[in-house]
Amino acid sequence: MNRLAADPNLEQCPDFTSANFQACHAPLLNPTTNEAQAAVMLQTIWTATNSALKLQWQLQLDTDAAAAAEEQRLLDKANDQHLAVQELQDATTAEEERKKNRIHHITIPDRPHPKLGAKVVLVSDFALCKLDKVQFVELYYWTNRGLADASLNFRTADDDSMVPTAAVDGSTTWIAASVVRPASGVIADHLLTPLDFSRAIPRFIASLEQRGWPNSRIIMLANFFGALMLHKYWTSDNVFEMQALLTYQEEQRRAWNQAIPQPQGAWNISILDNAELSSVFDRIYHAERDRVDHEFDHKVHCMLSCYFYSLMYILVPKNLKLR
């Protein structure tokens, strides 16, 4: 159907009785149809045609309106998608910028200078960098000794000391030397005393919150440490059971951190694996038994050697000894 160029509603019916339409009457004239009747027939035909054109015009207007609305909808959808992509890119860029220049984005509260009695806890830059990378880090850095070591290094270290390091994208960046240098006297988690361990936990959790860890992971780790301290081994007088609990904590947390970026992902670490904990206890117990047996065998060997040489000294004649 051809498009209409003009609105048929604006057209007026011609006067078919005028002399201009005499030629149009001729085909219609016959013995039963005169000039007046032919004019009426032409008028009727024009009216019917105009009515049909009016319907076509309205359909054309409706179709154009629907097409324009659909085009506008698609345009609005494309604009919304573009804005969403742009907002995501801006958010990603802002987050990367915040991570690269974290110190520039730390909010400074509107408050007076804190009282001198408010103690500032300084944690090792190396340990905090490990937290930012979601990597395993020893709890030693949050013990009294670890905090004292960090405070001492903070007062004596050269803040301008920088070292090159490889970024995630392979490029070389310069960072503070303290960030890549671990403490010299780090104590492994399984060698910590229960007192040092219990002191380090709340400080460690506070550092996780300050470094922007997700609440779900913080709660999971807090529940993990709580489950360890509620375990029967925690109040046991058996040294091996306490050592097994601390060793289990270290091994599980190290494996959990390593599993986070892997395709299969990590697990709910707060759910203790009692079978694994028992296995750790057996491993520690048998290792200690092997050590004790080895020391006993060594002592027996030394005693037998001393007894043999003493006996030889007594039994060998003096004249042979002089020789």
C-alpha atoms as a PDB file:
ATOM      1  CA  MET A   1       0.000   0.000   0.000  1.00  0.00           C
ATOM      2  CA  ASN A   2       1.411   3.337  -1.122  1.00  0.00           C
ATOM      3  CA  ARG A   3       1.926   6.013   1.503  1.00  0.00           C
ATOM      4  CA  LEU A   4      -0.356   9.053   1.365  1.00  0.00           C
ATOM      5  CA  ALA A   5       1.415  12.363   0.984  1.00  0.00           C
ATOM      6  CA  ALA A   6      -1.517  14.573   2.100  1.00  0.00           C
ATOM      7  CA  ASP A   7      -4.240  14.359   4.729  1.00  0.00           C
ATOM      8  CA  PRO A   8      -7.534  13.408   2.984  1.00  0.00           C
ATOM      9  CA  ASN A   9      -9.423  15.047   5.856  1.00  0.00           C
ATOM     10  CA  LEU A  10      -8.418  18.427   4.421  1.00  0.00           C
ATOM     11  CA  GLU A  11      -9.891  17.723   0.983  1.00  0.00           C
ATOM     12  CA  GLN A  12     -13.350  19.027  -0.017  1.00  0.00           C
ATOM     13  CA  CYS A  13     -15.790  17.333  -2.376  1.00  0.00           C
ATOM     14  CA  PRO A  14     -15.814  19.065  -5.823  1.00  0.00           C
ATOM     15  CA  ASP A  15     -18.971  20.425  -7.360  1.00  0.00           C
ATOM     16  CA  PHE A  16     -19.668  17.745  -9.954  1.00  0.00           C
ATOM     17  CA  THR A  17     -22.605  19.763 -11.378  1.00  0.00           C
ATOM     18  CA  SER A  18     -20.235  22.441 -12.667  1.00  0.00           C
ATOM     19  CA  ALA A  19     -19.209  22.681 -16.310  1.00  0.00           C
ATOM     20  CA  ASN A  20     -15.676  21.499 -15.417  1.00  0.00           C
ATOM     21  CA  PHE A  21     -16.966  17.974 -14.866  1.00  0.00           C
ATOM     22  CA  GLN A  22     -19.168  17.745 -17.972  1.00  0.00           C
ATOM     23  CA  ALA A  23     -16.650  15.406 -19.558  1.00  0.00           C
ATOM     24  CA  CYS A  24     -16.833  13.107 -16.480  1.00  0.00           C
ATOM     25  CA  HIS A  25     -20.609  12.843 -16.918  1.00  0.00           C
ATOM     26  CA  ALA A  26     -20.430  11.434 -20.442  1.00  0.00           C
ATOM     27  CA  PRO A  27     -19.497   7.807 -19.520  1.00  0.00           C
ATOM     28  CA  LEU A  28     -22.347   7.704 -17.029  1.00  0.00           C
ATOM     29  CA  LEU A  29     -25.115   9.145 -19.247  1.00  0.00           C
ATOM     30  CA  ASN A  30     -27.711   6.763 -20.686  1.00  0.00           C
ATOM     31  CA  PRO A  31     -31.461   6.753 -21.291  1.00  0.00           C
ATOM     32  CA  THR A  32     -32.095   6.224 -17.558  1.00  0.00           C
ATOM     33  CA  THR A  33     -29.359   8.541 -16.203  1.00  0.00           C
ATOM     34  CA  ASN A  34     -29.303  12.276 -16.768  1.00  0.00           C
ATOM     35  CA  GLU A  35     -26.699  14.972 -15.959  1.00  0.00           C
ATOM     36  CA  ALA A  36     -27.940  15.536 -12.392  1.00  0.00           C
ATOM     37  CA  GLN A  37     -27.929  11.836 -11.592  1.00  0.00           C
ATOM     38  CA  ALA A  38     -24.417  11.473 -13.074  1.00  0.00           C
ATOM     39  CA  ALA A  39     -23.200  14.319 -10.786  1.00  0.00           C
ATOM     40  CA  VAL A  40     -24.718  12.567  -7.768  1.00  0.00           C
ATOM     41  CA  MET A  41     -23.002   9.286  -8.716  1.00  0.00           C
ATOM     42  CA  LEU A  42     -19.618  11.066  -9.054  1.00  0.00           C
ATOM     43  CA  GLN A  43     -20.134  12.721  -5.680  1.00  0.00           C
ATOM     44  CA  THR A  44     -20.987   9.355  -4.112  1.00  0.00           C
ATOM     45  CA  ILE A  45     -17.877   7.737  -5.624  1.00  0.00           C
ATOM     46  CA  TRP A  46     -15.668  10.622  -4.413  1.00  0.00           C
ATOM     47  CA  THR A  47     -17.118  10.432  -0.887  1.00  0.00           C
ATOM     48  CA  ALA A  48     -16.541   6.680  -0.681  1.00  0.00           C
ATOM     49  CA  THR A  49     -12.992   7.051  -1.983  1.00  0.00           C
ATOM     50  CA  ASN A  50     -12.255   9.873   0.462  1.00  0.00           C
ATOM     51  CA  SER A  51     -13.591   7.827   3.361  1.00  0.00           C
ATOM     52  CA  ALA A  52     -11.289   4.945   2.408  1.00  0.00           C
ATOM     53  CA  LEU A  53      -8.345   7.352   2.169  1.00  0.00           C
ATOM     54  CA  LYS A  54      -9.192   8.756   5.608  1.00  0.00           C
ATOM     55  CA  LEU A  55      -9.019   5.236   7.079  1.00  0.00           C
ATOM     56  CA  GLN A  56      -5.688   4.636   5.289  1.00  0.00           C
ATOM     57  CA  TRP A  57      -4.371   7.967   6.565  1.00  0.00           C
ATOM     58  CA  GLN A  58      -5.296   7.161  10.178  1.00  0.00           C
ATOM     59  CA  LEU A  59      -3.699   3.707   9.876  1.00  0.00           C
ATOM     60  CA  GLN A  60      -0.603   5.378   8.442  1.00  0.00           C
ATOM     61  CA  LEU A  61      -0.493   7.822  11.370  1.00  0.00           C
ATOM     62  CA  ASP A  62      -0.884   4.990  13.900  1.00  0.00           C
ATOM     63  CA  THR A  63       1.834   2.921  12.224  1.00  0.00           C
ATOM     64  CA  ASP A  64       4.216   5.889  12.140  1.00  0.00           C
ATOM     65  CA  ALA A  65       3.522   6.641  15.811  1.00  0.00           C
ATOM     66  CA  ALA A  66       4.160   3.010  16.821  1.00  0.00           C
ATOM     67  CA  ALA A  67       7.383   2.913  14.773  1.00  0.00           C
ATOM     68  CA  ALA A  68       8.545   6.194  16.316  1.00  0.00           C
ATOM     69  CA  ALA A  69       7.730   4.914  19.819  1.00  0.00           C
ATOM     70  CA  GLU A  70       9.638   1.671  19.183  1.00  0.00           C
ATOM     71  CA  GLU A  71      12.592   3.579  17.792  1.00  0.00           C
ATOM     72  CA  GLN A  72      12.584   5.838  20.846  1.00  0.00           C
ATOM     73  CA  ARG A  73      12.328   2.812  23.138  1.00  0.00           C
ATOM     74  CA  LEU A  74      15.329   1.171  21.495  1.00  0.00           C
ATOM     75  CA  LEU A  75      17.228   4.438  21.655  1.00  0.00           C
ATOM     76  CA  ASP A  76      16.404   4.870  25.347  1.00  0.00           C
ATOM     77  CA  LYS A  77      17.417   1.256  26.007  1.00  0.00           C
ATOM     78  CA  ALA A  78      20.732   1.749  24.211  1.00  0.00           C
ATOM     79  CA  ASN A  79      21.335   4.956  26.170  1.00  0.00           C
ATOM     80  CA  ASP A  80      20.529   3.202  29.450  1.00  0.00           C
ATOM     81  CA  GLN A  81      22.911   0.367  28.589  1.00  0.00           C
ATOM     82  CA  HIS A  82      25.608   2.835  27.639  1.00  0.00           C
ATOM     83  CA  LEU A  83      25.131   4.709  30.914  1.00  0.00           C
ATOM     84  CA  ALA A  84      25.238   1.446  32.881  1.00  0.00           C
ATOM     85  CA  VAL A  85      28.460   0.387  31.149  1.00  0.00           C
ATOM     86  CA  GLN A  86      29.952   3.839  31.692  1.00  0.00           C
ATOM     87  CA  GLU A  87      28.976   3.812  35.380  1.00  0.00           C
ATOM     88  CA  LEU A  88      30.517   0.352  35.788  1.00  0.00           C
ATOM     89  CA  GLN A  89      33.712   1.488  34.076  1.00  0.00           C
ATOM     90  CA  ASP A  90      33.831   4.618  36.219  1.00  0.00           C
ATOM     91  CA  ALA A  91      33.267   2.570  39.376  1.00  0.00           C
ATOM     92  CA  THR A  92      35.970   0.079  38.363  1.00  0.00           C
ATOM     93  CA  THR A  93      38.399   2.867  37.548  1.00  0.00           C
ATOM     94  CA  ALA A  94      37.617   4.617  40.826  1.00  0.00           C
ATOM     95  CA  GLU A  95      38.115   1.375  42.770  1.00  0.00           C
ATOM     96  CA  GLU A  96      41.455   0.721  41.075  1.00  0.00           C
ATOM     97  CA  GLU A  97      42.513   4.276  41.769  1.00  0.00           C
ATOM     98  CA  ARG A  98      41.445   3.907  45.390  1.00  0.00           C
ATOM     99  CA  LYS A  99      43.485   0.722  45.763  1.00  0.00           C
ATOM    100  CA  LYS A 100      46.565   2.245  44.115  1.00  0.00           C
ATOM    101  CA  ASN A 101      46.379   5.436  46.171  1.00  0.00           C
ATOM    102  CA  ARG A 102      44.654   4.190  49.274  1.00  0.00           C
ATOM    103  CA  ILE A 103      46.138   6.857  51.494  1.00  0.00           C
ATOM    104  CA  HIS A 104      44.532   9.616  49.396  1.00  0.00           C
ATOM    105  CA  HIS A 105      41.056   8.147  49.942  1.00  0.00           C
ATOM    106  CA  ILE A 106      41.167   7.583  53.691  1.00  0.00           C
ATOM    107  CA  THR A 107      38.350   9.561  55.278  1.00  0.00           C
ATOM    108  CA  ILE A 108      39.537  11.999  57.949  1.00  0.00           C
ATOM    109  CA  PRO A 109      36.835  12.444  60.618  1.00  0.00           C
ATOM    110  CA  ASP A 110      35.821  15.933  61.718  1.00  0.00           C
ATOM    111  CA  ARG A 111      37.006  15.715  65.343  1.00  0.00           C
ATOM    112  CA  PRO A 112      39.504  17.267  67.745  1.00  0.00           C
ATOM    113  CA  HIS A 113      42.951  15.799  68.206  1.00  0.00           C
ATOM    114  CA  PRO A 114      42.659  12.460  70.074  1.00  0.00           C
ATOM    115  CA  LYS A 115      43.824  12.373  73.651  1.00  0.00           C
ATOM    116  CA  LEU A 116      47.309  11.116  74.295  1.00  0.00           C
ATOM    117  CA  GLY A 117      45.790   8.270  76.259  1.00  0.00           C
ATOM    118  CA  ALA A 118      44.327   6.815  73.068  1.00  0.00           C
ATOM    119  CA  LYS A 119      46.904   4.254  72.026  1.00  0.00           C
ATOM    120  CA  VAL A 120      47.559   3.943  68.284  1.00  0.00           C
ATOM    121  CA  VAL A 121      48.091   0.349  67.100  1.00  0.00           C
ATOM    122  CA  LEU A 122      50.694   0.208  64.328  1.00  0.00           C
ATOM    123  CA  VAL A 123      50.685  -2.998  62.298  1.00  0.00           C
ATOM    124  CA  SER A 124      53.513  -4.002  59.956  1.00  0.00           C
ATOM    125  CA  ASP A 125      53.154  -2.638  56.404  1.00  0.00           C
ATOM    126  CA  PHE A 126      54.168  -6.071  55.144  1.00  0.00           C
ATOM    127  CA  ALA A 127      51.275  -7.733  56.999  1.00  0.00           C
ATOM    128  CA  LEU A 128      48.751  -5.123  55.829  1.00  0.00           C
ATOM    129  CA  CYS A 129      49.920  -5.555  52.227  1.00  0.00           C
ATOM    130  CA  LYS A 130      49.305  -9.295  52.592  1.00  0.00           C
ATOM    131  CA  LEU A 131      45.765  -8.569  53.778  1.00  0.00           C
ATOM    132  CA  ASP A 132      45.147  -6.271  50.787  1.00  0.00           C
ATOM    133  CA  LYS A 133      46.242  -9.093  48.480  1.00  0.00           C
ATOM    134  CA  VAL A 134      44.049 -11.616  50.373  1.00  0.00           C
ATOM    135  CA  GLN A 135      47.114 -13.718  51.151  1.00  0.00           C
ATOM    136  CA  PHE A 136      47.981 -15.730  54.245  1.00  0.00           C
ATOM    137  CA  VAL A 137      49.861 -13.800  56.907  1.00  0.00           C
ATOM    138  CA  GLU A 138      51.071 -14.947  60.305  1.00  0.00           C
ATOM    139  CA  LEU A 139      49.180 -13.826  63.411  1.00  0.00           C
ATOM    140  CA  TYR A 140      52.557 -12.919  64.938  1.00  0.00           C
ATOM    141  CA  TYR A 141      52.233  -9.430  63.460  1.00  0.00           C
ATOM    142  CA  TRP A 142      49.256  -8.776  65.784  1.00  0.00           C
ATOM    143  CA  THR A 143      50.879 -10.098  68.956  1.00  0.00           C
ATOM    144  CA  ASN A 144      52.441  -7.733  71.483  1.00  0.00           C
ATOM    145  CA  ARG A 145      55.891  -8.575  70.165  1.00  0.00           C
ATOM    146  CA  GLY A 146      54.868  -8.124  66.550  1.00  0.00           C
ATOM    147  CA  LEU A 147      53.260  -4.745  67.235  1.00  0.00           C
ATOM    148  CA  ALA A 148      56.314  -3.620  69.171  1.00  0.00           C
ATOM    149  CA  ASP A 149      58.521  -4.627  66.246  1.00  0.00           C
ATOM    150  CA  ALA A 150      56.294  -2.685  63.824  1.00  0.00           C
ATOM    151  CA  SER A 151      56.373   0.373  66.100  1.00  0.00           C
ATOM    152  CA  LEU A 152      60.171   0.216  66.328  1.00  0.00           C
ATOM    153  CA  ASN A 153      60.546  -0.062  62.549  1.00  0.00           C
ATOM    154  CA  PHE A 154      58.095   2.806  62.085  1.00  0.00           C
ATOM    155  CA  ARG A 155      60.323   5.085  64.175  1.00  0.00           C
ATOM    156  CA  THR A 156      63.635   4.020  62.654  1.00  0.00           C
ATOM    157  CA  ALA A 157      62.832   3.045  59.043  1.00  0.00           C
ATOM    158  CA  ASP A 158      63.670   5.262  56.080  1.00  0.00           C
ATOM    159  CA  ASP A 159      60.293   6.297  54.626  1.00  0.00           C
ATOM    160  CA  ASP A 160      61.904   7.205  51.300  1.00  0.00           C
ATOM    161  CA  SER A 161      63.275   3.710  50.710  1.00  0.00           C
ATOM    162  CA  MET A 162      61.575   2.258  47.602  1.00  0.00           C
ATOM    163  CA  VAL A 163      62.016  -1.030  45.749  1.00  0.00           C
ATOM    164  CA  PRO A 164      60.729  -2.206  42.333  1.00  0.00           C
ATOM    165  CA  THR A 165      58.074  -4.894  42.179  1.00  0.00           C
ATOM    166  CA  ALA A 166      56.009  -6.561  39.459  1.00  0.00           C
ATOM    167  CA  ALA A 167      52.359  -5.535  39.294  1.00  0.00           C
ATOM    168  CA  VAL A 168      49.465  -7.855  38.379  1.00  0.00           C
ATOM    169  CA  ASP A 169      49.602  -6.748  34.734  1.00  0.00           C
ATOM    170  CA  GLY A 170      53.341  -7.445  34.537  1.00  0.00           C
ATOM    171  CA  SER A 171      54.429  -3.822  34.724  1.00  0.00           C
ATOM    172  CA  THR A 172      57.063  -2.638  37.184  1.00  0.00           C
ATOM    173  CA  THR A 173      55.987  -0.377  40.019  1.00  0.00           C
ATOM    174  CA  TRP A 174      57.858   1.153  42.959  1.00  0.00           C
ATOM    175  CA  ILE A 175      56.610   0.563  46.479  1.00  0.00           C
ATOM    176  CA  ALA A 176      57.921   1.164  49.987  1.00  0.00           C
ATOM    177  CA  ALA A 177      60.585  -1.327  51.055  1.00  0.00           C
ATOM    178  CA  SER A 178      58.713  -2.013  54.311  1.00  0.00           C
ATOM    179  CA  VAL A 179      55.825  -3.460  52.306  1.00  0.00           C
ATOM    180  CA  VAL A 180      57.910  -6.321  50.853  1.00  0.00           C
ATOM    181  CA  ARG A 181      60.174  -6.940  53.856  1.00  0.00           C
ATOM    182  CA  PRO A 182      58.805  -9.366  56.494  1.00  0.00           C
ATOM    183  CA  ALA A 183      59.757  -9.048  60.132  1.00  0.00           C
ATOM    184  CA  SER A 184      63.010 -10.774  61.041  1.00  0.00           C
ATOM    185  CA  GLY A 185      61.667 -12.682  64.054  1.00  0.00           C
ATOM    186  CA  VAL A 186      58.350 -13.965  62.759  1.00  0.00           C
ATOM    187  CA  ILE A 187      56.920 -16.831  64.811  1.00  0.00           C
ATOM    188  CA  ALA A 188      54.770 -19.391  63.026  1.00  0.00           C
ATOM    189  CA  ASP A 189      51.169 -19.657  64.221  1.00  0.00           C
ATOM    190  CA  HIS A 190      51.585 -23.200  65.561  1.00  0.00           C
ATOM    191  CA  LEU A 191      54.444 -22.017  67.804  1.00  0.00           C
ATOM    192  CA  LEU A 192      52.486 -19.141  69.373  1.00  0.00           C
ATOM    193  CA  THR A 193      51.433 -19.407  72.981  1.00  0.00           C
ATOM    194  CA  PRO A 194      47.667 -19.568  73.635  1.00  0.00           C
ATOM    195  CA  LEU A 195      47.932 -16.151  75.292  1.00  0.00           C
ATOM    196  CA  ASP A 196      49.620 -14.544  72.273  1.00  0.00           C
ATOM    197  CA  PHE A 197      47.121 -16.236  69.965  1.00  0.00           C
ATOM    198  CA  SER A 198      44.091 -14.953  71.916  1.00  0.00           C
ATOM    199  CA  ARG A 199      45.556 -11.431  72.042  1.00  0.00           C
ATOM    200  CA  ALA A 200      46.223 -11.354  68.313  1.00  0.00           C
ATOM    201  CA  ILE A 201      42.730 -12.442  67.168  1.00  0.00           C
ATOM    202  CA  PRO A 202      40.719  -9.264  67.969  1.00  0.00           C
ATOM    203  CA  ARG A 203      43.485  -7.057  66.524  1.00  0.00           C
ATOM    204  CA  PHE A 204      43.611  -9.198  63.387  1.00  0.00           C
ATOM    205  CA  ILE A 205      39.823  -8.955  62.932  1.00  0.00           C
ATOM    206  CA  ALA A 206      39.994  -5.169  63.404  1.00  0.00           C
ATOM    207  CA  SER A 207      42.650  -4.927  60.676  1.00  0.00           C
ATOM    208  CA  LEU A 208      40.443  -6.934  58.304  1.00  0.00           C
ATOM    209  CA  GLU A 209      37.634  -4.418  58.850  1.00  0.00           C
ATOM    210  CA  GLN A 210      39.976  -1.462  58.357  1.00  0.00           C
ATOM    211  CA  ARG A 211      41.351  -2.906  55.098  1.00  0.00           C
ATOM    212  CA  GLY A 212      37.876  -3.244  53.620  1.00  0.00           C
ATOM    213  CA  TRP A 213      37.415  -7.016  53.694  1.00  0.00           C
ATOM    214  CA  PRO A 214      33.831  -8.199  52.949  1.00  0.00           C
ATOM    215  CA  ASN A 215      31.736  -8.624  56.099  1.00  0.00           C
ATOM    216  CA  SER A 216      30.922 -12.223  55.166  1.00  0.00           C
ATOM    217  CA  ARG A 217      34.611 -13.205  55.205  1.00  0.00           C
ATOM    218  CA  ILE A 218      35.297 -11.290  58.422  1.00  0.00           C
ATOM    219  CA  ILE A 219      32.379 -13.003  60.170  1.00  0.00           C
ATOM    220  CA  MET A 220      33.510 -16.380  58.816  1.00  0.00           C
ATOM    221  CA  LEU A 221      37.044 -15.934  60.193  1.00  0.00           C
ATOM    222  CA  ALA A 222      35.734 -14.604  63.515  1.00  0.00           C
ATOM    223  CA  ASN A 223      33.504 -17.672  63.842  1.00  0.00           C
ATOM    224  CA  PHE A 224      36.482 -19.856  62.894  1.00  0.00           C
ATOM    225  CA  PHE A 225      38.640 -18.464  65.697  1.00  0.00           C
ATOM    226  CA  GLY A 226      35.693 -18.660  68.087  1.00  0.00           C
ATOM    227  CA  ALA A 227      35.104 -22.318  67.227  1.00  0.00           C
ATOM    228  CA  LEU A 228      38.775 -23.074  67.909  1.00  0.00           C
ATOM    229  CA  MET A 229      38.624 -21.446  71.339  1.00  0.00           C
ATOM    230  CA  LEU A 230      35.427 -23.335  72.188  1.00  0.00           C
ATOM    231  CA  HIS A 231      36.931 -26.681  71.168  1.00  0.00           C
ATOM    232  CA  LYS A 232      37.777 -29.106  73.962  1.00  0.00           C
ATOM    233  CA  TYR A 233      41.450 -29.009  72.959  1.00  0.00           C
ATOM    234  CA  TRP A 234      41.644 -25.313  73.890  1.00  0.00           C
ATOM    235  CA  THR A 235      41.248 -25.969  77.634  1.00  0.00           C
ATOM    236  CA  SER A 236      43.145 -29.261  77.595  1.00  0.00           C
ATOM    237  CA  ASP A 237      46.250 -29.802  79.723  1.00  0.00           C
ATOM    238  CA  ASN A 238      47.625 -32.025  76.975  1.00  0.00           C
ATOM    239  CA  VAL A 239      50.350 -30.052  75.198  1.00  0.00           C
ATOM    240  CA  PHE A 240      49.877 -32.037  72.008  1.00  0.00           C
ATOM    241  CA  GLU A 241      46.170 -31.202  71.805  1.00  0.00           C
ATOM    242  CA  MET A 242      46.838 -27.463  72.116  1.00  0.00           C
ATOM    243  CA  GLN A 243      49.632 -27.661  69.525  1.00  0.00           C
ATOM    244  CA  ALA A 244      47.330 -29.634  67.201  1.00  0.00           C
ATOM    245  CA  LEU A 245      44.686 -26.902  67.477  1.00  0.00           C
ATOM    246  CA  LEU A 246      47.168 -24.133  66.604  1.00  0.00           C
ATOM    247  CA  THR A 247      48.685 -26.182  63.775  1.00  0.00           C
ATOM    248  CA  TYR A 248      45.235 -26.944  62.370  1.00  0.00           C
ATOM    249  CA  GLN A 249      44.402 -23.224  62.454  1.00  0.00           C
ATOM    250  CA  GLU A 250      47.562 -22.291  60.560  1.00  0.00           C
ATOM    251  CA  GLU A 251      47.214 -24.995  57.900  1.00  0.00           C
ATOM    252  CA  GLN A 252      43.493 -24.415  57.328  1.00  0.00           C
ATOM    253  CA  ARG A 253      43.791 -20.636  57.090  1.00  0.00           C
ATOM    254  CA  ARG A 254      46.742 -20.886  54.701  1.00  0.00           C
ATOM    255  CA  ALA A 255      44.857 -23.336  52.448  1.00  0.00           C
ATOM    256  CA  TRP A 256      41.686 -21.189  52.643  1.00  0.00           C
ATOM    257  CA  ASN A 257      43.527 -18.051  51.511  1.00  0.00           C
ATOM    258  CA  GLN A 258      45.155 -19.923  48.640  1.00  0.00           C
ATOM    259  CA  ALA A 259      41.792 -21.390  47.515  1.00  0.00           C
ATOM    260  CA  ILE A 260      39.912 -18.063  47.308  1.00  0.00           C
ATOM    261  CA  PRO A 261      41.142 -17.070  43.790  1.00  0.00           C
ATOM    262  CA  GLN A 262      41.034 -20.642  42.467  1.00  0.00           C
ATOM    263  CA  PRO A 263      38.215 -21.816  40.111  1.00  0.00           C
ATOM    264  CA  GLN A 264      36.690 -24.118  42.754  1.00  0.00           C
ATOM    265  CA  GLY A 265      36.863 -21.373  45.383  1.00  0.00           C
ATOM    266  CA  ALA A 266      37.222 -21.633  49.162  1.00  0.00           C
ATOM    267  CA  TRP A 267      34.856 -23.020  51.812  1.00  0.00           C
ATOM    268  CA  ASN A 268      33.269 -22.040  55.111  1.00  0.00           C
ATOM    269  CA  ILE A 269      36.365 -22.223  57.259  1.00  0.00           C
ATOM    270  CA  SER A 270      34.340 -21.741  60.457  1.00  0.00           C
ATOM    271  CA  ILE A 271      33.066 -25.339  60.121  1.00  0.00           C
ATOM    272  CA  LEU A 272      35.797 -27.328  61.869  1.00  0.00           C
ATOM    273  CA  ASP A 273      36.932 -30.595  60.278  1.00  0.00           C
ATOM    274  CA  ASN A 274      37.313 -32.809  63.352  1.00  0.00           C
ATOM    275  CA  ALA A 275      38.705 -35.663  61.279  1.00  0.00           C
ATOM    276  CA  GLU A 276      41.487 -33.410  59.957  1.00  0.00           C
ATOM    277  CA  LEU A 277      42.079 -32.041  63.461  1.00  0.00           C
ATOM    278  CA  SER A 278      42.483 -35.590  64.790  1.00  0.00           C
ATOM    279  CA  SER A 279      44.867 -36.342  61.927  1.00  0.00           C
ATOM    280  CA  VAL A 280      46.949 -33.299  62.853  1.00  0.00           C
ATOM    281  CA  PHE A 281      47.030 -34.459  66.481  1.00  0.00           C
ATOM    282  CA  ASP A 282      48.189 -37.943  65.450  1.00  0.00           C
ATOM    283  CA  ARG A 283      50.885 -36.441  63.229  1.00  0.00           C
ATOM    284  CA  ILE A 284      52.210 -34.238  66.045  1.00  0.00           C
ATOM    285  CA  TYR A 285      52.011 -37.032  68.615  1.00  0.00           C
ATOM    286  CA  HIS A 286      53.880 -39.550  66.452  1.00  0.00           C
ATOM    287  CA  ALA A 287      56.481 -36.945  65.488  1.00  0.00           C
ATOM    288  CA  GLU A 288      57.113 -36.285  69.186  1.00  0.00           C
ATOM    289  CA  ARG A 289      57.287 -39.998  69.937  1.00  0.00           C
ATOM    290  CA  ASP A 290      59.805 -40.468  67.118  1.00  0.00           C
ATOM    291  CA  ARG A 291      61.865 -37.599  68.526  1.00  0.00           C
ATOM    292  CA  VAL A 292      61.800 -39.056  72.060  1.00  0.00           C
ATOM    293  CA  ASP A 293      62.668 -42.539  70.797  1.00  0.00           C
ATOM    294  CA  HIS A 294      65.546 -41.126  68.775  1.00  0.00           C
ATOM    295  CA  GLU A 295      66.887 -39.259  71.806  1.00  0.00           C
ATOM    296  CA  PHE A 296      66.554 -42.383  73.939  1.00  0.00           C
ATOM    297  CA  ASP A 297      68.379 -44.520  71.373  1.00  0.00           C
ATOM    298  CA  HIS A 298      71.124 -41.913  71.188  1.00  0.00           C
ATOM    299  CA  LYS A 299      71.512 -41.861  74.983  1.00  0.00           C
ATOM    300  CA  VAL A 300      71.598 -45.657  75.130  1.00  0.00           C
ATOM    301  CA  HIS A 301      74.238 -45.736  72.404  1.00  0.00           C
ATOM    302  CA  CYS A 302      76.352 -43.170  74.261  1.00  0.00           C
ATOM    303  CA  MET A 303      76.010 -45.059  77.542  1.00  0.00           C
ATOM    304  CA  LEU A 304      76.990 -48.349  75.933  1.00  0.00           C
ATOM    305  CA  SER A 305      79.954 -46.729  74.245  1.00  0.00           C
ATOM    306  CA  CYS A 306      81.139 -45.235  77.540  1.00  0.00           C
ATOM    307  CA  TYR A 307      80.627 -48.556  79.321  1.00  0.00           C
ATOM    308  CA  PHE A 308      82.580 -50.435  76.646  1.00  0.00           C
ATOM    309  CA  TYR A 309      85.553 -48.052  76.805  1.00  0.00           C
ATOM    310  CA  SER A 310      85.535 -48.113  80.607  1.00  0.00           C
ATOM    311  CA  LEU A 311      85.458 -51.871  80.632  1.00  0.00           C
ATOM    312  CA  MET A 312      88.310 -52.018  78.134  1.00  0.00           C
ATOM    313  CA  TYR A 313      90.314 -49.667  80.295  1.00  0.00           C
ATOM    314  CA  ILE A 314      89.870 -51.897  83.300  1.00  0.00           C
ATOM    315  CA  LEU A 315      90.542 -55.209  81.559  1.00  0.00           C
ATOM    316  CA  VAL A 316      93.493 -54.207  79.399  1.00  0.00           C
ATOM    317  CA  PRO A 317      96.841 -54.813  81.250  1.00  0.00           C
ATOM    318  CA  LYS A 318      98.784 -51.758  82.285  1.00  0.00           C
ATOM    319  CA  ASN A 319     101.832 -52.736  80.274  1.00  0.00           C
ATOM    320  CA  LEU A 320      99.708 -52.755  77.135  1.00  0.00           C
ATOM    321  CA  LYS A 321      98.292 -49.363  78.016  1.00  0.00           C
ATOM    322  CA  LEU A 322     101.782 -47.896  78.173  1.00  0.00           C
ATOM    323  CA  ARG A 323     102.504 -49.114  74.719  1.00  0.00           C
END
